[in-house]
C-alpha cells in the first residue's frame, strides 16, 4: 500500500500511475483498535489496517506519526506547495 500526502517531487500525473488514492497525513488521525489494528482517518474517509503482530503495528504507527509530523512541518514551511510526498507502507 502506498500512502500519499503533501510533499516531494511527484506531479499529479505521476501519482495517477502509482497511487490508488491519497491521504493527507497532515490532517489525518491515527489510532489503534487493538493489538494488531490501526485506524487511519482523513478527509471523511476511514482506513482499517491490520498488522501481523503488535510489534509490527507499533512500527507502522510510529512510521505514520513521523510522516504526519513531517507533512505538518512541510505544510507550515510552505516549502512543498502543490507537490506530493509519498511513503511506501
Protein backbone atom coordinates (compact mmCIF):
# COMPACT_ATOMS: atom_id res chain seq x y z
CA UNK A 1 0.00 0.00 0.00
CA UNK A 2 1.25 3.48 -0.73
CA UNK A 3 0.08 6.47 1.26
CA UNK A 4 0.45 9.87 -0.39
CA UNK A 5 0.33 13.29 1.23
CA UNK A 6 1.71 16.80 0.77
CA UNK A 7 5.42 16.93 -0.03
CA UNK A 8 8.05 15.83 -2.76
CA UNK A 9 8.77 15.91 -6.46
CA UNK A 10 5.97 13.85 -7.96
CA UNK A 11 3.39 15.53 -10.14
CA UNK A 12 -0.33 14.74 -10.10
CA UNK A 13 0.12 12.89 -13.42
CA UNK A 14 2.89 10.71 -11.97
CA UNK A 15 0.77 9.94 -8.91
CA UNK A 16 -2.09 8.73 -11.12
CA UNK A 17 0.13 5.87 -12.27
CA UNK A 18 1.50 4.85 -8.88
CA UNK A 19 -1.19 5.56 -6.26
CA UNK A 20 -4.76 4.44 -5.93
CA UNK A 21 -5.61 7.46 -3.79
CA UNK A 22 -4.16 9.98 -1.40
CA UNK A 23 -4.31 10.58 2.32
CA UNK A 24 -3.38 13.98 3.69
CA UNK A 25 -1.26 12.90 6.63
CA UNK A 26 -1.06 16.46 7.96
CA UNK A 27 -4.75 16.27 8.90
CA UNK A 28 -5.00 12.51 9.48
CA UNK A 29 -5.98 10.94 12.79
CA UNK A 30 -4.01 7.79 13.66
CA UNK A 31 -5.46 5.43 16.26
CA UNK A 32 -5.25 1.79 17.31
CA UNK A 33 -8.20 -0.53 17.85
CA UNK A 34 -6.41 -3.44 19.49
CA UNK A 35 -3.06 -5.25 19.44
CA UNK A 36 -2.87 -5.53 15.63
CA UNK A 37 -5.29 -2.99 14.12
CA UNK A 38 -4.72 0.63 13.10
CA UNK A 39 -7.42 3.13 12.17
CA UNK A 40 -6.35 5.97 9.89
CA UNK A 41 -8.96 8.71 9.31
CA UNK A 42 -8.57 11.63 6.93
CA UNK A 43 -10.83 13.71 4.73
CA UNK A 44 -14.01 11.94 5.82
CA UNK A 45 -12.59 8.51 4.97
CA UNK A 46 -11.50 5.82 7.41
CA UNK A 47 -8.97 3.10 6.64
CA UNK A 48 -8.59 0.00 8.79
CA UNK A 49 -5.13 -1.54 8.57
CA UNK A 50 -4.09 -4.83 10.14
CA UNK A 51 -0.54 -5.74 11.14
CA UNK A 52 0.66 -9.29 11.70
CA UNK A 53 1.81 -8.61 15.27
CA UNK A 54 1.60 -5.93 17.94
CA UNK A 55 5.27 -5.07 17.30
CA UNK A 56 4.61 -4.61 13.58
CA UNK A 57 1.55 -2.48 14.36
CA UNK A 58 3.65 -0.24 16.59
CA UNK A 59 6.26 0.14 13.82
CA UNK A 60 3.51 1.24 11.42
CA UNK A 61 2.04 3.68 13.94
CA UNK A 62 5.48 5.16 14.58
CA UNK A 63 6.19 5.48 10.83
CA UNK A 64 2.79 7.10 10.21
CA UNK A 65 3.22 9.54 13.11
CA UNK A 66 6.71 10.52 11.87
CA UNK A 67 5.36 11.00 8.33
CA UNK A 68 2.49 13.07 9.72
CA UNK A 69 4.89 15.31 11.68
CA UNK A 70 6.97 15.80 8.54
CA UNK A 71 3.87 16.64 6.47
CA UNK A 72 2.81 19.21 9.08
CA UNK A 73 6.30 20.78 9.11
CA UNK A 74 6.34 20.94 5.32
CA UNK A 75 2.88 22.45 5.21
CA UNK A 76 3.85 25.05 7.83
CA UNK A 77 7.09 25.89 6.00
CA UNK A 78 5.19 26.25 2.71
CA UNK A 79 8.18 24.58 1.05
CA UNK A 80 6.17 21.81 -0.57
CA UNK A 81 3.37 23.78 -2.24
CA UNK A 82 1.48 21.74 -4.82
CA UNK A 83 3.77 18.74 -4.65
CA UNK A 84 3.26 15.27 -3.20
CA UNK A 85 5.19 13.28 -0.60
CA UNK A 86 4.87 9.53 -0.76
CA UNK A 87 5.74 6.86 1.73
CA UNK A 88 5.54 3.15 0.98
CA UNK A 89 3.84 1.15 3.69
